[in-house]
Structure formats: C-alpha cells, structure tokens
Amino acid sequence: MKKEVLQELKELNLTDSQREKLTKLEKALDTEKKDHDKQKKKRNRKMDSPSFLHGTVEHFLQKNRKTNKK
C-alpha cells in the first residue's frame, strides 16, 4: 500500500525539493521492506528447523502431561 501511495505522489507536479524528499522516502521504504523480508525469512528458517519443532512438540507434551495428572 505504501508503494501505491508513493507512485501516486510521483505523478503529482512536484518541486525539485519535494521530489528529492520523495526519493529519500522511497529509498527508506525499500530498506524497510528488505529488512522485513530478511527477518521473515529468518523466522521461517527457525520455525522449520528440527530443533524448533522438537522443542515445540516437547513443550506441548509436557504441558499435556501436567494437565492429565490433575
């Protein structure tokens, strides 16, 4: 959505100063997206790892055992 708004702003009749600010904003937005994608990829890799899955299953089983004992 941010990119769509940015594109609409680019279509306006802007001064050089406004166009420069818009370019800086676009670069910042690109950096933000790259960082977000990098973090998302890192989270997905962690969640797919066998140790994460094993830990999650083990946690669930321990919680389930405690619940069944009551």
PDB file of N, CA and C in Angstrom:
ATOM      1  N   MET A   1       0.820  -1.179   0.000  1.00  0.00           N
ATOM      2  CA  MET A   1       0.000   0.000   0.000  1.00  0.00           C
ATOM      3  C   MET A   1       0.879   1.263   0.000  1.00  0.00           C
ATOM      4  N   LYS A   2       1.967   1.218   0.751  1.00  0.00           N
ATOM      5  CA  LYS A   2       2.863   2.365   0.794  1.00  0.00           C
ATOM      6  C   LYS A   2       3.410   2.670  -0.593  1.00  0.00           C
ATOM      7  N   LYS A   3       3.752   1.618  -1.324  1.00  0.00           N
ATOM      8  CA  LYS A   3       4.291   1.795  -2.679  1.00  0.00           C
ATOM      9  C   LYS A   3       3.248   2.424  -3.604  1.00  0.00           C
ATOM     10  N   GLU A   4       2.008   2.032  -3.434  1.00  0.00           N
ATOM     11  CA  GLU A   4       0.936   2.590  -4.269  1.00  0.00           C
ATOM     12  C   GLU A   4       0.793   4.095  -4.023  1.00  0.00           C
ATOM     13  N   VAL A   5       0.836   4.475  -2.769  1.00  0.00           N
ATOM     14  CA  VAL A   5       0.726   5.896  -2.419  1.00  0.00           C
ATOM     15  C   VAL A   5       1.932   6.649  -2.963  1.00  0.00           C
ATOM     16  N   LEU A   6       3.089   6.051  -2.853  1.00  0.00           N
ATOM     17  CA  LEU A   6       4.311   6.657  -3.368  1.00  0.00           C
ATOM     18  C   LEU A   6       4.207   6.892  -4.874  1.00  0.00           C
ATOM     19  N   GLN A   7       3.674   5.912  -5.586  1.00  0.00           N
ATOM     20  CA  GLN A   7       3.517   6.054  -7.038  1.00  0.00           C
ATOM     21  C   GLN A   7       2.549   7.185  -7.380  1.00  0.00           C
ATOM     22  N   GLU A   8       1.484   7.294  -6.607  1.00  0.00           N
ATOM     23  CA  GLU A   8       0.520   8.373  -6.850  1.00  0.00           C
ATOM     24  C   GLU A   8       1.156   9.736  -6.597  1.00  0.00           C
ATOM     25  N   LEU A   9       1.977   9.826  -5.559  1.00  0.00           N
ATOM     26  CA  LEU A   9       2.654  11.084  -5.267  1.00  0.00           C
ATOM     27  C   LEU A   9       3.633  11.463  -6.379  1.00  0.00           C
ATOM     28  N   LYS A  10       4.269  10.463  -6.959  1.00  0.00           N
ATOM     29  CA  LYS A  10       5.224  10.719  -8.042  1.00  0.00           C
ATOM     30  C   LYS A  10       4.546  11.337  -9.260  1.00  0.00           C
ATOM     31  N   GLU A  11       3.284  11.040  -9.435  1.00  0.00           N
ATOM     32  CA  GLU A  11       2.539  11.544 -10.584  1.00  0.00           C
ATOM     33  C   GLU A  11       2.145  13.015 -10.429  1.00  0.00           C
ATOM     34  N   LEU A  12       2.251  13.535  -9.207  1.00  0.00           N
ATOM     35  CA  LEU A  12       1.893  14.928  -8.967  1.00  0.00           C
ATOM     36  C   LEU A  12       2.970  15.870  -9.498  1.00  0.00           C
ATOM     37  N   ASN A  13       2.587  17.108  -9.711  1.00  0.00           N
ATOM     38  CA  ASN A  13       3.535  18.129 -10.143  1.00  0.00           C
ATOM     39  C   ASN A  13       4.292  18.604  -8.903  1.00  0.00           C
ATOM     40  N   LEU A  14       5.524  18.128  -8.710  1.00  0.00           N
ATOM     41  CA  LEU A  14       6.293  18.420  -7.506  1.00  0.00           C
ATOM     42  C   LEU A  14       7.485  19.327  -7.809  1.00  0.00           C
ATOM     43  N   THR A  15       7.870  20.068  -6.794  1.00  0.00           N
ATOM     44  CA  THR A  15       9.092  20.865  -6.920  1.00  0.00           C
ATOM     45  C   THR A  15      10.288  19.925  -6.794  1.00  0.00           C
ATOM     46  N   ASP A  16      11.464  20.436  -7.133  1.00  0.00           N
ATOM     47  CA  ASP A  16      12.674  19.619  -7.024  1.00  0.00           C
ATOM     48  C   ASP A  16      12.901  19.159  -5.589  1.00  0.00           C
ATOM     49  N   SER A  17      12.656  20.031  -4.657  1.00  0.00           N
ATOM     50  CA  SER A  17      12.830  19.703  -3.243  1.00  0.00           C
ATOM     51  C   SER A  17      11.858  18.597  -2.811  1.00  0.00           C
ATOM     52  N   GLN A  18      10.617  18.711  -3.235  1.00  0.00           N
ATOM     53  CA  GLN A  18       9.611  17.694  -2.897  1.00  0.00           C
ATOM     54  C   GLN A  18       9.948  16.357  -3.552  1.00  0.00           C
ATOM     55  N   ARG A  19      10.417  16.412  -4.789  1.00  0.00           N
ATOM     56  CA  ARG A  19      10.792  15.183  -5.497  1.00  0.00           C
ATOM     57  C   ARG A  19      11.983  14.509  -4.804  1.00  0.00           C
ATOM     58  N   GLU A  20      12.919  15.311  -4.313  1.00  0.00           N
ATOM     59  CA  GLU A  20      14.084  14.784  -3.599  1.00  0.00           C
ATOM     60  C   GLU A  20      13.654  14.097  -2.304  1.00  0.00           C
ATOM     61  N   LYS A  21      12.751  14.720  -1.572  1.00  0.00           N
ATOM     62  CA  LYS A  21      12.227  14.126  -0.334  1.00  0.00           C
ATOM     63  C   LYS A  21      11.498  12.814  -0.633  1.00  0.00           C
ATOM     64  N   LEU A  22      10.768  12.816  -1.724  1.00  0.00           N
ATOM     65  CA  LEU A  22      10.037  11.612  -2.126  1.00  0.00           C
ATOM     66  C   LEU A  22      11.008  10.483  -2.476  1.00  0.00           C
ATOM     67  N   THR A  23      12.097  10.826  -3.131  1.00  0.00           N
ATOM     68  CA  THR A  23      13.117   9.826  -3.480  1.00  0.00           C
ATOM     69  C   THR A  23      13.743   9.246  -2.214  1.00  0.00           C
ATOM     70  N   LYS A  24      14.048  10.108  -1.242  1.00  0.00           N
ATOM     71  CA  LYS A  24      14.601   9.634   0.034  1.00  0.00           C
ATOM     72  C   LYS A  24      13.610   8.723   0.750  1.00  0.00           C
ATOM     73  N   LEU A  25      12.353   9.089   0.704  1.00  0.00           N
ATOM     74  CA  LEU A  25      11.310   8.281   1.324  1.00  0.00           C
ATOM     75  C   LEU A  25      11.212   6.915   0.641  1.00  0.00           C
ATOM     76  N   GLU A  26      11.318   6.910  -0.659  1.00  0.00           N
ATOM     77  CA  GLU A  26      11.260   5.660  -1.419  1.00  0.00           C
ATOM     78  C   GLU A  26      12.432   4.747  -1.045  1.00  0.00           C
ATOM     79  N   LYS A  27      13.619   5.318  -0.920  1.00  0.00           N
ATOM     80  CA  LYS A  27      14.791   4.523  -0.534  1.00  0.00           C
ATOM     81  C   LYS A  27      14.620   3.962   0.866  1.00  0.00           C
ATOM     82  N   ALA A  28      14.099   4.771   1.779  1.00  0.00           N
ATOM     83  CA  ALA A  28      13.861   4.309   3.149  1.00  0.00           C
ATOM     84  C   ALA A  28      12.834   3.179   3.163  1.00  0.00           C
ATOM     85  N   LEU A  29      11.819   3.303   2.339  1.00  0.00           N
ATOM     86  CA  LEU A  29      10.782   2.278   2.247  1.00  0.00           C
ATOM     87  C   LEU A  29      11.359   0.970   1.692  1.00  0.00           C
ATOM     88  N   ASP A  30      12.220   1.077   0.701  1.00  0.00           N
ATOM     89  CA  ASP A  30      12.870  -0.115   0.147  1.00  0.00           C
ATOM     90  C   ASP A  30      13.727  -0.814   1.208  1.00  0.00           C
ATOM     91  N   THR A  31      14.454  -0.020   1.973  1.00  0.00           N
ATOM     92  CA  THR A  31      15.289  -0.578   3.040  1.00  0.00           C
ATOM     93  C   THR A  31      14.423  -1.264   4.094  1.00  0.00           C
ATOM     94  N   GLU A  32      13.329  -0.625   4.455  1.00  0.00           N
ATOM     95  CA  GLU A  32      12.402  -1.193   5.431  1.00  0.00           C
ATOM     96  C   GLU A  32      11.863  -2.535   4.942  1.00  0.00           C
ATOM     97  N   LYS A  33      11.502  -2.606   3.674  1.00  0.00           N
ATOM     98  CA  LYS A  33      10.968  -3.846   3.113  1.00  0.00           C
ATOM     99  C   LYS A  33      12.032  -4.950   3.100  1.00  0.00           C
ATOM    100  N   LYS A  34      13.252  -4.597   2.723  1.00  0.00           N
ATOM    101  CA  LYS A  34      14.336  -5.588   2.711  1.00  0.00           C
ATOM    102  C   LYS A  34      14.574  -6.137   4.108  1.00  0.00           C
ATOM    103  N   ASP A  35      14.591  -5.248   5.105  1.00  0.00           N
ATOM    104  CA  ASP A  35      14.782  -5.688   6.489  1.00  0.00           C
ATOM    105  C   ASP A  35      13.641  -6.595   6.939  1.00  0.00           C
ATOM    106  N   HIS A  36      12.427  -6.224   6.580  1.00  0.00           N
ATOM    107  CA  HIS A  36      11.259  -7.031   6.943  1.00  0.00           C
ATOM    108  C   HIS A  36      11.340  -8.415   6.297  1.00  0.00           C
ATOM    109  N   ASP A  37      11.674  -8.447   5.018  1.00  0.00           N
ATOM    110  CA  ASP A  37      11.784  -9.729   4.312  1.00  0.00           C
ATOM    111  C   ASP A  37      12.882 -10.601   4.906  1.00  0.00           C
ATOM    112  N   LYS A  38      13.990  -9.963   5.288  1.00  0.00           N
ATOM    113  CA  LYS A  38      15.106 -10.689   5.881  1.00  0.00           C
ATOM    114  C   LYS A  38      14.691 -11.307   7.218  1.00  0.00           C
ATOM    115  N   GLN A  39      13.991 -10.530   8.057  1.00  0.00           N
ATOM    116  CA  GLN A  39      13.525 -11.037   9.341  1.00  0.00           C
ATOM    117  C   GLN A  39      12.506 -12.158   9.168  1.00  0.00           C
ATOM    118  N   LYS A  40      11.632 -11.992   8.193  1.00  0.00           N
ATOM    119  CA  LYS A  40      10.610 -13.013   7.928  1.00  0.00           C
ATOM    120  C   LYS A  40      11.271 -14.319   7.490  1.00  0.00           C
ATOM    121  N   LYS A  41      12.264 -14.212   6.623  1.00  0.00           N
ATOM    122  CA  LYS A  41      12.979 -15.394   6.146  1.00  0.00           C
ATOM    123  C   LYS A  41      13.689 -16.082   7.302  1.00  0.00           C
ATOM    124  N   LYS A  42      14.275 -15.284   8.189  1.00  0.00           N
ATOM    125  CA  LYS A  42      14.974 -15.822   9.351  1.00  0.00           C
ATOM    126  C   LYS A  42      14.003 -16.563  10.269  1.00  0.00           C
ATOM    127  N   ARG A  43      12.832 -15.958  10.522  1.00  0.00           N
ATOM    128  CA  ARG A  43      11.815 -16.607  11.365  1.00  0.00           C
ATOM    129  C   ARG A  43      11.344 -17.917  10.743  1.00  0.00           C
ATOM    130  N   ASN A  44      11.118 -17.899   9.439  1.00  0.00           N
ATOM    131  CA  ASN A  44      10.634 -19.104   8.765  1.00  0.00           C
ATOM    132  C   ASN A  44      11.668 -20.219   8.832  1.00  0.00           C
ATOM    133  N   ARG A  45      12.945 -19.864   8.668  1.00  0.00           N
ATOM    134  CA  ARG A  45      14.005 -20.871   8.754  1.00  0.00           C
ATOM    135  C   ARG A  45      14.050 -21.463  10.159  1.00  0.00           C
ATOM    136  N   LYS A  46      13.907 -20.600  11.165  1.00  0.00           N
ATOM    137  CA  LYS A  46      13.948 -21.069  12.550  1.00  0.00           C
ATOM    138  C   LYS A  46      12.778 -22.003  12.827  1.00  0.00           C
ATOM    139  N   MET A  47      11.604 -21.648  12.357  1.00  0.00           N
ATOM    140  CA  MET A  47      10.416 -22.456  12.622  1.00  0.00           C
ATOM    141  C   MET A  47      10.464 -23.788  11.882  1.00  0.00           C
ATOM    142  N   ASP A  48      11.180 -23.840  10.771  1.00  0.00           N
ATOM    143  CA  ASP A  48      11.283 -25.080  10.009  1.00  0.00           C
ATOM    144  C   ASP A  48      12.385 -25.996  10.519  1.00  0.00           C
ATOM    145  N   SER A  49      13.223 -25.495  11.412  1.00  0.00           N
ATOM    146  CA  SER A  49      14.349 -26.300  11.879  1.00  0.00           C
ATOM    147  C   SER A  49      13.847 -27.438  12.764  1.00  0.00           C
ATOM    148  N   PRO A  50      14.511 -28.583  12.684  1.00  0.00           N
ATOM    149  CA  PRO A  50      14.107 -29.734  13.507  1.00  0.00           C
ATOM    150  C   PRO A  50      14.160 -29.437  14.999  1.00  0.00           C
ATOM    151  N   SER A  51      15.157 -28.661  15.439  1.00  0.00           N
ATOM    152  CA  SER A  51      15.266 -28.384  16.875  1.00  0.00           C
ATOM    153  C   SER A  51      14.085 -27.546  17.365  1.00  0.00           C
ATOM    154  N   PHE A  52      13.632 -26.602  16.547  1.00  0.00           N
ATOM    155  CA  PHE A  52      12.470 -25.790  16.929  1.00  0.00           C
ATOM    156  C   PHE A  52      11.229 -26.668  17.012  1.00  0.00           C
ATOM    157  N   LEU A  53      11.046 -27.513  16.013  1.00  0.00           N
ATOM    158  CA  LEU A  53       9.876 -28.392  16.003  1.00  0.00           C
ATOM    159  C   LEU A  53       9.911 -29.359  17.173  1.00  0.00           C
ATOM    160  N   HIS A  54      11.074 -29.905  17.445  1.00  0.00           N
ATOM    161  CA  HIS A  54      11.217 -30.844  18.564  1.00  0.00           C
ATOM    162  C   HIS A  54      10.893 -30.132  19.877  1.00  0.00           C
ATOM    163  N   GLY A  55      11.431 -28.917  20.053  1.00  0.00           N
ATOM    164  CA  GLY A  55      11.170 -28.146  21.271  1.00  0.00           C
ATOM    165  C   GLY A  55       9.698 -27.833  21.447  1.00  0.00           C
ATOM    166  N   THR A  56       9.028 -27.498  20.358  1.00  0.00           N
ATOM    167  CA  THR A  56       7.609 -27.180  20.410  1.00  0.00           C
ATOM    168  C   THR A  56       6.789 -28.412  20.774  1.00  0.00           C
ATOM    169  N   VAL A  57       7.109 -29.528  20.165  1.00  0.00           N
ATOM    170  CA  VAL A  57       6.389 -30.777  20.455  1.00  0.00           C
ATOM    171  C   VAL A  57       6.643 -31.188  21.905  1.00  0.00           C
ATOM    172  N   GLU A  58       7.897 -31.072  22.336  1.00  0.00           N
ATOM    173  CA  GLU A  58       8.236 -31.444  23.708  1.00  0.00           C
ATOM    174  C   GLU A  58       7.488 -30.559  24.713  1.00  0.00           C
ATOM    175  N   HIS A  59       7.417 -29.281  24.447  1.00  0.00           N
ATOM    176  CA  HIS A  59       6.688 -28.354  25.322  1.00  0.00           C
ATOM    177  C   HIS A  59       5.207 -28.746  25.396  1.00  0.00           C
ATOM    178  N   PHE A  60       4.624 -29.042  24.264  1.00  0.00           N
ATOM    179  CA  PHE A  60       3.221 -29.435  24.224  1.00  0.00           C
ATOM    180  C   PHE A  60       2.991 -30.719  25.027  1.00  0.00           C
ATOM    181  N   LEU A  61       3.880 -31.697  24.852  1.00  0.00           N
ATOM    182  CA  LEU A  61       3.723 -32.965  25.562  1.00  0.00           C
ATOM    183  C   LEU A  61       3.840 -32.773  27.076  1.00  0.00           C
ATOM    184  N   GLN A  62       4.795 -31.943  27.509  1.00  0.00           N
ATOM    185  CA  GLN A  62       4.953 -31.691  28.943  1.00  0.00           C
ATOM    186  C   GLN A  62       3.723 -31.013  29.516  1.00  0.00           C
ATOM    187  N   LYS A  63       3.199 -30.032  28.791  1.00  0.00           N
ATOM    188  CA  LYS A  63       2.007 -29.329  29.240  1.00  0.00           C
ATOM    189  C   LYS A  63       0.826 -30.289  29.298  1.00  0.00           C
ATOM    190  N   ASN A  64       0.722 -31.147  28.304  1.00  0.00           N
ATOM    191  CA  ASN A  64      -0.368 -32.109  28.236  1.00  0.00           C
ATOM    192  C   ASN A  64      -0.276 -33.122  29.388  1.00  0.00           C
ATOM    193  N   ARG A  65       0.937 -33.546  29.724  1.00  0.00           N
ATOM    194  CA  ARG A  65       1.134 -34.491  30.832  1.00  0.00           C
ATOM    195  C   ARG A  65       0.687 -33.872  32.156  1.00  0.00           C
ATOM    196  N   LYS A  66       1.045 -32.586  32.359  1.00  0.00           N
ATOM    197  CA  LYS A  66       0.664 -31.888  33.588  1.00  0.00           C
ATOM    198  C   LYS A  66      -0.861 -31.767  33.682  1.00  0.00           C
ATOM    199  N   THR A  67      -1.504 -31.488  32.572  1.00  0.00           N
ATOM    200  CA  THR A  67      -2.951 -31.337  32.547  1.00  0.00           C
ATOM    201  C   THR A  67      -3.639 -32.671  32.858  1.00  0.00           C
ATOM    202  N   ASN A  68      -3.098 -33.761  32.315  1.00  0.00           N
ATOM    203  CA  ASN A  68      -3.689 -35.086  32.514  1.00  0.00           C
ATOM    204  C   ASN A  68      -3.522 -35.586  33.943  1.00  0.00           C
ATOM    205  N   LYS A  69      -2.467 -35.136  34.642  1.00  0.00           N
ATOM    206  CA  LYS A  69      -2.237 -35.580  36.018  1.00  0.00           C
ATOM    207  C   LYS A  69      -3.235 -34.975  36.983  1.00  0.00           C
ATOM    208  N   LYS A  70      -3.793 -33.832  36.649  1.00  0.00           N
ATOM    209  CA  LYS A  70      -4.719 -33.133  37.564  1.00  0.00           C
ATOM    210  C   LYS A  70      -6.049 -33.785  37.625  1.00  0.00           C
TER     211      LYS A  70
END
